[in-house]
Each structure stands twice: as structure tokens, then as C-alpha cells.
Amino acid sequence: MKDKFKSLFRSPLHNIGLKLLALVLAVISWYAIRGAISFETLVNNVPLVMQLDGGWAVLERSTDLVDVVFRGSRDDLLRLEHGNIELLLDLRGREFAGSSEVRLKPDMVLYPGNARPVEIEPPNVVIQLDRQATRLVPVKVDVQGEPPDGFEMEIAQADPATVQISGPKKMIDTVNWIRTVPVPLEARRQSFRERLEMVQPGETWVARMDPPRVNARVTIRERSEVRQFKAMDVQALLNPQVDGTSIAISPISVIINIKGGTARVQDLKKTDIVPYVDCRQMVPGSQYDIPVKVQLPDGITLDHIDPAVVSVTYRVK
């Protein structure tokens, strides 16, 4: 019995070296584990998503984005994907009178992985609700800048030309149109089509748009210019002339305005333009009023001619 008591008394000091080593290893392991899971990172601009009862919309809120501090191991934090993180504020079943302040909690954050959200900034959001309304509004294609020299924008249209927007009634009633994201025109020398998203009509509230995107058609053309040519002699287009006949045109000259690309129009010469009357159906001894036609180079159009009709006499000598 005495030997057993002596053995028990010596047990705390028995193998003291091994016990101290085990204690040191335990402390090191504890600090290692603590260090492995105590990293923190800040994720900025996490979207704040609200769930509401049917028929309600957010009229105002103090913020659309929050910053979230995550804690976890280095690997857990590296696996965080910003695009898969959001803060979901479920307001269904709650009643609001005027503006209300709601506390944002870490357990509202939806995220992938094993890291933990521990802090949110700002910690509160102030919101105001309104009855939801829906209306149809036109879409404007927002073009910015100018095409290169010598070109101009003719038209910018959206397809569809109208979209349906939904949101708080107080704000929806003030929206007369929706614009697309800007379309730069610099370096555009040809017409083009582009699928565009639309810009939210307000800064403190969000409208739902159907459809969320439109097809924009922008027509670019070469800048045109009108140029006038005076005293242009009218030619007669005839069948092989019969001996002893002649053609008299009155008036013999006309004024012609032509239209085309600026550079092309400025390079035109008088000899490039031929006004004429078609006399091939006339018979000797007849007289007709005949419209004047104009032969023009490619890319040039007739803008105006004065007079448009001349008198033609087919004489017999």
C-alpha cells in the first residue's frame, strides 16, 4: 500500500520532460490553428438586395452597396468570389411607416466557401417603401460625340422603341423616357447595330425594366452638300436626224442643284453633268413640253432643276 501511495505521489513529476514537450506542442498547435483562421479581408461594394411583399417597391434607401469584412483561413479568403456575394435583406411581412432604419447583420450575407462575415459597413440602412406602379415609356439611344469629318449621324433608333418599367409609384410617375448606356460615335464611318443596356432613371431607387436591353440602330452617312450649276445647256436625245430638220429648245439652259458627299460634290466639273430632253418620240413638225432629265455621276443626286420642263420644237426646214 505504501509503495502504491508513493508511486501515485510521484506521478505528476513522472516523465516530466515528455509532459513539458506535449504542453509546448499543444500551445504551438493552438497558436498555429488560431493564426490559420484569423486572417481578415475586406470585400467592397457588395450589393444590397431587398425582398419585399408583392405590390411594394423601394422608394429610397441610404445605400445600394455595403462593405463586408470576412474572417477565415488564408485559403478560405482566397476562394471568396466578389460576384457571388450579396447581402439579402428580407423585409417580407414587415410594416413600415415613412422612413425606417434597419440593422444589417452578418448572417444576412450570402456567400460561397467557409470564410465568415464578421462586420458590415455601414451597419444600418435607411429605407422608404411605396406602392409599386408599372408604365410604358419610350427609349432614347444616348449617342455621344461626333463621327469623323465628312460624316454625320442621320438617325438613332431603339428596337423595341418602348419598355415597361416598374418601381415605386411616386418615382415611376415622373419618368417620361429611358435612355441607353452611351454610344460613342468617334471613328464611326458606317451605320451599325448594337445591343445596349439601359440606364436606371433614378439614383436612390431601382426600376425593373422589361426588356432589360434593346437593339440600337444608328445610321451614319457621308455628310452631304448641295451645289448649284447655272446656265447648263440642255441637250436633245434624238433618233438619227432626218435631213432638212432641226430641234429648237426653249429655254435652252437650266439651273441645276445637285447633292452628294462633300468631297465628291466639290470635285465635280460642269462637264460631269448633262441635262437633256428625250425627243425620240417626236415627229418632224411637232412641238411638245418635255421634262428635263439629268445624267449624273454615281453617288450624286438631283436636288432641284429650274425650269423642270422646256418647250421642244421639231422643225422642218
Protein backbone atom coordinates (compact mmCIF):
# COMPACT_ATOMS: atom_id res chain seq x y z
CA MET A 1 0.00 0.00 0.00
CA LYS A 2 2.81 2.34 0.89
CA ASP A 3 4.56 1.64 -2.42
CA LYS A 4 1.36 2.34 -4.32
CA PHE A 5 0.87 5.68 -2.49
CA LYS A 6 4.47 6.67 -3.22
CA SER A 7 4.01 5.81 -6.90
CA LEU A 8 0.86 7.98 -7.04
CA PHE A 9 2.64 10.88 -5.32
CA ARG A 10 5.46 10.77 -7.86
CA SER A 11 3.10 10.57 -10.94
CA PRO A 12 2.81 14.36 -11.66
CA LEU A 13 6.60 14.52 -11.95
CA HIS A 14 6.93 11.25 -13.74
CA ASN A 15 8.21 11.69 -17.29
CA ILE A 16 8.21 15.45 -16.75
CA GLY A 17 10.23 16.02 -19.94
CA LEU A 18 7.67 14.32 -22.14
CA LYS A 19 4.85 16.16 -20.45
CA LEU A 20 6.52 19.54 -20.93
CA LEU A 21 7.16 18.71 -24.58
CA ALA A 22 3.50 17.76 -25.07
CA LEU A 23 2.43 21.03 -23.45
CA VAL A 24 4.73 23.07 -25.67
CA LEU A 25 3.46 21.25 -28.77
CA ALA A 26 -0.16 21.86 -27.71
CA VAL A 27 0.49 25.58 -27.26
CA ILE A 28 2.26 25.79 -30.63
CA SER A 29 -0.60 23.91 -32.29
CA TRP A 30 -3.15 26.23 -30.70
CA TYR A 31 -1.34 29.32 -31.93
CA ALA A 32 -0.90 27.74 -35.36
CA ILE A 33 -4.61 26.96 -35.65
CA ARG A 34 -5.53 30.38 -34.36
CA GLY A 35 -3.19 32.01 -36.87
CA ALA A 36 -4.54 29.89 -39.70
CA ILE A 37 -8.14 31.03 -39.16
CA SER A 38 -7.61 34.62 -38.01
CA PHE A 39 -6.94 36.27 -41.38
CA GLU A 40 -9.33 39.02 -42.42
CA THR A 41 -10.17 40.67 -45.74
CA LEU A 42 -12.47 43.48 -46.77
CA VAL A 43 -14.83 42.95 -49.70
CA ASN A 44 -16.07 46.29 -51.08
CA ASN A 45 -19.27 47.10 -52.93
CA VAL A 46 -21.33 44.07 -52.01
CA PRO A 47 -24.84 44.58 -53.49
CA LEU A 48 -27.70 45.05 -51.05
CA VAL A 49 -30.70 43.02 -52.25
CA MET A 50 -34.13 43.52 -50.72
CA GLN A 51 -37.06 41.09 -50.68
CA LEU A 52 -40.46 42.78 -50.38
CA ASP A 53 -44.08 41.75 -50.22
CA GLY A 54 -45.94 41.85 -53.55
CA GLY A 55 -47.15 45.27 -54.63
CA TRP A 56 -44.36 47.17 -52.85
CA ALA A 57 -41.18 48.81 -54.13
CA VAL A 58 -38.23 50.67 -52.59
CA LEU A 59 -38.74 54.42 -52.90
CA GLU A 60 -35.49 55.45 -51.22
CA ARG A 61 -32.60 53.75 -49.48
CA SER A 62 -29.47 55.21 -47.98
CA THR A 63 -27.15 52.80 -49.82
CA ASP A 64 -27.13 50.20 -52.58
CA LEU A 65 -23.75 48.71 -51.64
CA VAL A 66 -22.04 47.66 -48.43
CA ASP A 67 -18.52 46.63 -47.40
CA VAL A 68 -18.14 43.28 -45.64
CA VAL A 69 -15.22 42.07 -43.51
CA PHE A 70 -14.63 38.32 -43.80
CA ARG A 71 -12.54 36.22 -41.39
CA GLY A 72 -11.06 32.79 -42.03
CA SER A 73 -8.02 30.91 -43.21
CA ARG A 74 -5.89 32.30 -45.98
CA ASP A 75 -7.24 29.68 -48.38
CA ASP A 76 -10.86 30.41 -47.43
CA LEU A 77 -10.38 34.11 -48.08
CA LEU A 78 -8.69 33.47 -51.42
CA ARG A 79 -11.70 31.43 -52.51
CA LEU A 80 -14.12 34.32 -51.99
CA GLU A 81 -15.61 35.46 -55.30
CA HIS A 82 -16.95 39.00 -55.28
CA GLY A 83 -19.56 38.29 -57.94
CA ASN A 84 -21.17 35.59 -55.76
CA ILE A 85 -21.53 37.70 -52.61
CA GLU A 86 -24.64 39.71 -51.70
CA LEU A 87 -26.44 40.90 -48.62
CA LEU A 88 -30.07 39.76 -48.64
CA LEU A 89 -32.44 41.91 -46.58
CA ASP A 90 -35.78 40.11 -46.23
CA LEU A 91 -38.47 42.67 -45.43
CA ARG A 92 -41.47 40.50 -46.20
CA GLY A 93 -44.19 40.66 -43.59
CA ARG A 94 -42.82 43.85 -42.02
CA GLU A 95 -44.71 47.13 -41.86
CA PHE A 96 -43.04 50.48 -42.47
CA ALA A 97 -44.33 53.96 -41.73
CA GLY A 98 -42.27 56.59 -43.52
CA SER A 99 -38.50 56.08 -43.36
CA SER A 100 -37.18 53.19 -41.27
CA GLU A 101 -33.70 52.23 -40.18
CA VAL A 102 -32.82 48.54 -40.42
CA ARG A 103 -29.82 46.86 -38.80
CA LEU A 104 -27.60 44.87 -41.15
CA LYS A 105 -26.27 41.63 -39.66
CA PRO A 106 -23.50 39.27 -40.78
CA ASP A 107 -25.96 36.38 -41.06
CA MET A 108 -27.72 38.28 -43.87
CA VAL A 109 -24.67 37.91 -46.13
CA LEU A 110 -24.90 35.18 -48.77
CA TYR A 111 -21.52 33.89 -49.91
CA PRO A 112 -19.71 30.72 -51.03
CA GLY A 113 -16.98 28.97 -49.04
CA ASN A 114 -16.01 28.64 -45.38
CA ALA A 115 -14.95 32.19 -44.50
CA ARG A 116 -17.24 34.05 -42.09
CA PRO A 117 -18.63 37.59 -42.41
CA VAL A 118 -17.95 39.42 -39.14
CA GLU A 119 -18.59 43.10 -39.83
CA ILE A 120 -20.70 45.22 -42.21
CA GLU A 121 -20.21 48.87 -43.10
CA PRO A 122 -22.46 50.77 -42.93
CA PRO A 123 -24.13 48.78 -40.17
CA ASN A 124 -27.60 50.22 -40.91
CA VAL A 125 -29.68 51.13 -43.96
CA VAL A 126 -32.48 53.69 -44.05
CA ILE A 127 -35.31 52.74 -46.40
CA GLN A 128 -38.67 54.08 -47.51
CA LEU A 129 -41.24 51.98 -49.34
CA ASP A 130 -44.02 52.92 -51.77
CA ARG A 131 -46.73 51.12 -53.68
CA GLN A 132 -45.42 49.60 -56.91
CA ALA A 133 -46.51 51.02 -60.29
CA THR A 134 -45.90 50.00 -63.91
CA ARG A 135 -45.96 52.04 -67.11
CA LEU A 136 -44.72 52.02 -70.70
CA VAL A 137 -42.09 54.64 -71.65
CA PRO A 138 -40.09 55.38 -74.84
CA VAL A 139 -36.37 54.57 -75.15
CA LYS A 140 -33.77 57.09 -76.32
CA VAL A 141 -30.44 55.92 -77.73
CA ASP A 142 -27.78 58.05 -76.00
CA VAL A 143 -25.21 58.93 -78.67
CA GLN A 144 -22.10 60.86 -77.66
CA GLY A 145 -19.53 62.69 -79.73
CA GLU A 146 -19.47 63.18 -83.49
CA PRO A 147 -18.45 60.95 -86.43
CA PRO A 148 -15.19 61.82 -88.25
CA ASP A 149 -15.03 64.83 -90.58
CA GLY A 150 -17.16 64.34 -93.65
CA PHE A 151 -19.69 62.05 -91.89
CA GLU A 152 -22.82 62.67 -89.84
CA MET A 153 -25.37 60.73 -87.84
CA GLU A 154 -28.73 60.59 -89.57
CA ILE A 155 -30.84 58.70 -87.02
CA ALA A 156 -30.56 56.63 -83.81
CA GLN A 157 -33.46 54.30 -83.02
CA ALA A 158 -34.17 51.68 -80.36
CA ASP A 159 -35.90 48.36 -81.02
CA PRO A 160 -38.23 47.96 -79.22
CA ALA A 161 -38.97 51.68 -79.08
CA THR A 162 -40.67 51.39 -75.67
CA VAL A 163 -40.06 49.38 -72.49
CA GLN A 164 -42.16 48.62 -69.45
CA ILE A 165 -40.77 49.95 -66.17
CA SER A 166 -41.87 49.02 -62.65
CA GLY A 167 -40.99 50.66 -59.35
CA PRO A 168 -42.26 52.99 -56.62
CA LYS A 169 -45.31 54.87 -57.90
CA LYS A 170 -44.10 58.27 -56.74
CA MET A 171 -40.99 57.96 -58.93
CA ILE A 172 -42.44 55.97 -61.86
CA ASP A 173 -44.96 58.77 -62.44
CA THR A 174 -42.06 61.21 -63.08
CA VAL A 175 -40.30 59.08 -65.74
CA ASN A 176 -41.02 60.23 -69.30
CA TRP A 177 -38.35 58.18 -71.09
CA ILE A 178 -35.44 55.78 -70.53
CA ARG A 179 -32.01 56.21 -72.10
CA THR A 180 -29.48 53.59 -73.08
CA VAL A 181 -25.87 53.47 -71.98
CA PRO A 182 -23.82 55.96 -74.05
CA VAL A 183 -22.77 55.02 -77.59
CA PRO A 184 -19.59 56.83 -78.79
CA LEU A 185 -19.65 57.97 -82.42
CA GLU A 186 -15.96 58.81 -82.83
CA ALA A 187 -14.36 56.79 -85.65
CA ARG A 188 -17.79 55.59 -86.86
CA ARG A 189 -17.98 55.88 -90.65
CA GLN A 190 -20.70 53.29 -91.25
CA SER A 191 -24.16 52.54 -89.90
CA PHE A 192 -24.21 49.93 -87.14
CA ARG A 193 -26.39 47.94 -84.74
CA GLU A 194 -25.59 47.29 -81.10
CA ARG A 195 -27.37 45.63 -78.16
CA LEU A 196 -27.45 48.03 -75.24
CA GLU A 197 -28.44 48.01 -71.60
CA MET A 198 -30.49 50.88 -70.21
CA VAL A 199 -29.56 53.37 -67.52
CA GLN A 200 -31.55 53.47 -64.29
CA PRO A 201 -33.82 56.55 -64.22
CA GLY A 202 -33.01 57.37 -60.58
CA GLU A 203 -30.01 57.37 -58.26
CA THR A 204 -31.74 56.39 -54.99
CA TRP A 205 -34.26 53.87 -56.33
CA VAL A 206 -34.25 50.96 -58.76
CA ALA A 207 -36.67 50.38 -61.63
CA ARG A 208 -37.25 46.96 -63.15
CA MET A 209 -37.25 47.14 -66.96
CA ASP A 210 -38.79 44.72 -69.42
CA PRO A 211 -36.95 44.03 -71.63
CA PRO A 212 -33.69 44.92 -69.84
CA ARG A 213 -31.84 45.53 -73.16
CA VAL A 214 -32.72 46.97 -76.57
CA ASN A 215 -31.24 46.82 -80.05
CA ALA A 216 -29.93 50.22 -81.15
CA ARG A 217 -29.75 51.08 -84.86
CA VAL A 218 -27.57 54.08 -85.67
CA THR A 219 -27.40 55.35 -89.25
CA ILE A 220 -24.17 57.07 -90.29
CA ARG A 221 -23.86 58.73 -93.69
CA GLU A 222 -21.36 60.81 -95.55
CA ARG A 223 -22.08 64.47 -94.92
CA SER A 224 -23.86 65.87 -97.97
CA GLU A 225 -23.61 69.22 -99.67
CA VAL A 226 -25.75 70.99 -102.25
CA ARG A 227 -24.04 72.76 -105.15
CA GLN A 228 -25.61 74.86 -107.86
CA PHE A 229 -24.66 74.89 -111.54
CA LYS A 230 -26.06 77.75 -113.63
CA ALA A 231 -26.56 78.14 -117.41
CA MET A 232 -26.44 74.43 -118.14
CA ASP A 233 -27.35 73.89 -121.83
CA VAL A 234 -29.99 71.25 -122.43
CA GLN A 235 -29.08 68.56 -124.95
CA ALA A 236 -31.57 66.75 -127.22
CA LEU A 237 -31.65 62.97 -127.37
CA LEU A 238 -32.73 62.13 -130.94
CA ASN A 239 -33.15 59.29 -133.35
CA PRO A 240 -30.78 59.60 -136.30
CA GLN A 241 -31.78 63.03 -137.57
CA VAL A 242 -33.61 63.26 -140.87
CA ASP A 243 -32.13 65.68 -143.40
CA GLY A 244 -33.87 69.02 -143.51
CA THR A 245 -34.98 69.07 -139.85
CA SER A 246 -33.80 70.81 -136.68
CA ILE A 247 -34.59 70.92 -132.95
CA ALA A 248 -35.29 74.14 -131.03
CA ILE A 249 -35.34 74.08 -127.19
CA SER A 250 -36.74 76.96 -125.13
CA PRO A 251 -35.29 77.89 -122.74
CA ILE A 252 -32.03 76.35 -123.86
CA SER A 253 -30.34 76.49 -120.45
CA VAL A 254 -31.41 75.49 -116.94
CA ILE A 255 -30.19 75.86 -113.35
CA ILE A 256 -29.31 72.58 -111.63
CA ASN A 257 -28.78 71.88 -107.92
CA ILE A 258 -27.06 68.59 -107.15
CA LYS A 259 -26.46 66.84 -103.80
CA GLY A 260 -23.83 64.38 -102.57
CA GLY A 261 -20.86 63.79 -100.31
CA THR A 262 -18.95 66.99 -99.62
CA ALA A 263 -15.66 65.90 -101.17
CA ARG A 264 -17.36 64.40 -104.23
CA VAL A 265 -19.52 67.45 -104.85
CA GLN A 266 -16.61 69.86 -104.59
CA ASP A 267 -14.65 67.88 -107.21
CA LEU A 268 -17.45 67.95 -109.81
CA LYS A 269 -16.99 69.81 -113.08
CA LYS A 270 -19.69 71.24 -115.31
CA THR A 271 -18.92 68.63 -117.94
CA ASP A 272 -19.80 65.86 -115.43
CA ILE A 273 -23.46 66.96 -115.52
CA VAL A 274 -25.58 66.57 -118.67
CA PRO A 275 -29.18 67.90 -118.77
CA TYR A 276 -31.20 66.53 -121.70
CA VAL A 277 -34.66 66.01 -123.17
CA ASP A 278 -35.74 62.76 -124.80
CA CYS A 279 -37.06 63.70 -128.27
CA ARG A 280 -37.03 60.24 -129.84
CA GLN A 281 -40.84 60.01 -129.93
CA MET A 282 -41.26 63.35 -131.71
CA VAL A 283 -42.04 63.64 -135.41
CA PRO A 284 -40.95 66.46 -137.69
CA GLY A 285 -43.25 69.49 -137.44
CA SER A 286 -44.37 68.79 -133.83
CA GLN A 287 -43.95 70.78 -130.63
CA TYR A 288 -44.01 69.40 -127.05
CA ASP A 289 -43.32 70.42 -123.45
CA ILE A 290 -40.84 67.79 -122.24
CA PRO A 291 -39.40 67.22 -118.71
CA VAL A 292 -35.68 67.79 -118.40
CA LYS A 293 -33.64 64.80 -117.27
CA VAL A 294 -30.10 64.96 -115.87
CA GLN A 295 -27.26 62.48 -116.29
CA LEU A 296 -25.17 62.49 -113.09
CA PRO A 297 -22.10 60.63 -111.80
CA ASP A 298 -22.58 57.76 -109.33
CA GLY A 299 -23.19 58.92 -105.78
CA ILE A 300 -24.64 62.27 -106.87
CA THR A 301 -28.38 63.03 -106.79
CA LEU A 302 -30.50 65.75 -108.35
CA ASP A 303 -31.78 68.18 -105.72
CA HIS A 304 -33.58 70.71 -107.97
CA ILE A 305 -33.82 71.86 -111.59
CA ASP A 306 -35.26 75.14 -112.90
CA PRO A 307 -37.16 75.04 -115.14
CA ALA A 308 -38.14 71.38 -114.86
CA VAL A 309 -39.91 71.39 -118.24
CA VAL A 310 -38.83 73.00 -121.55
CA SER A 311 -40.58 73.53 -124.87
CA VAL A 312 -39.16 71.50 -127.77
CA THR A 313 -39.99 72.19 -131.41
CA TYR A 314 -39.10 69.71 -134.14
CA ARG A 315 -38.83 71.89 -137.23
CA VAL A 316 -38.78 71.08 -140.91
CA LYS A 317 -36.53 73.39 -142.86
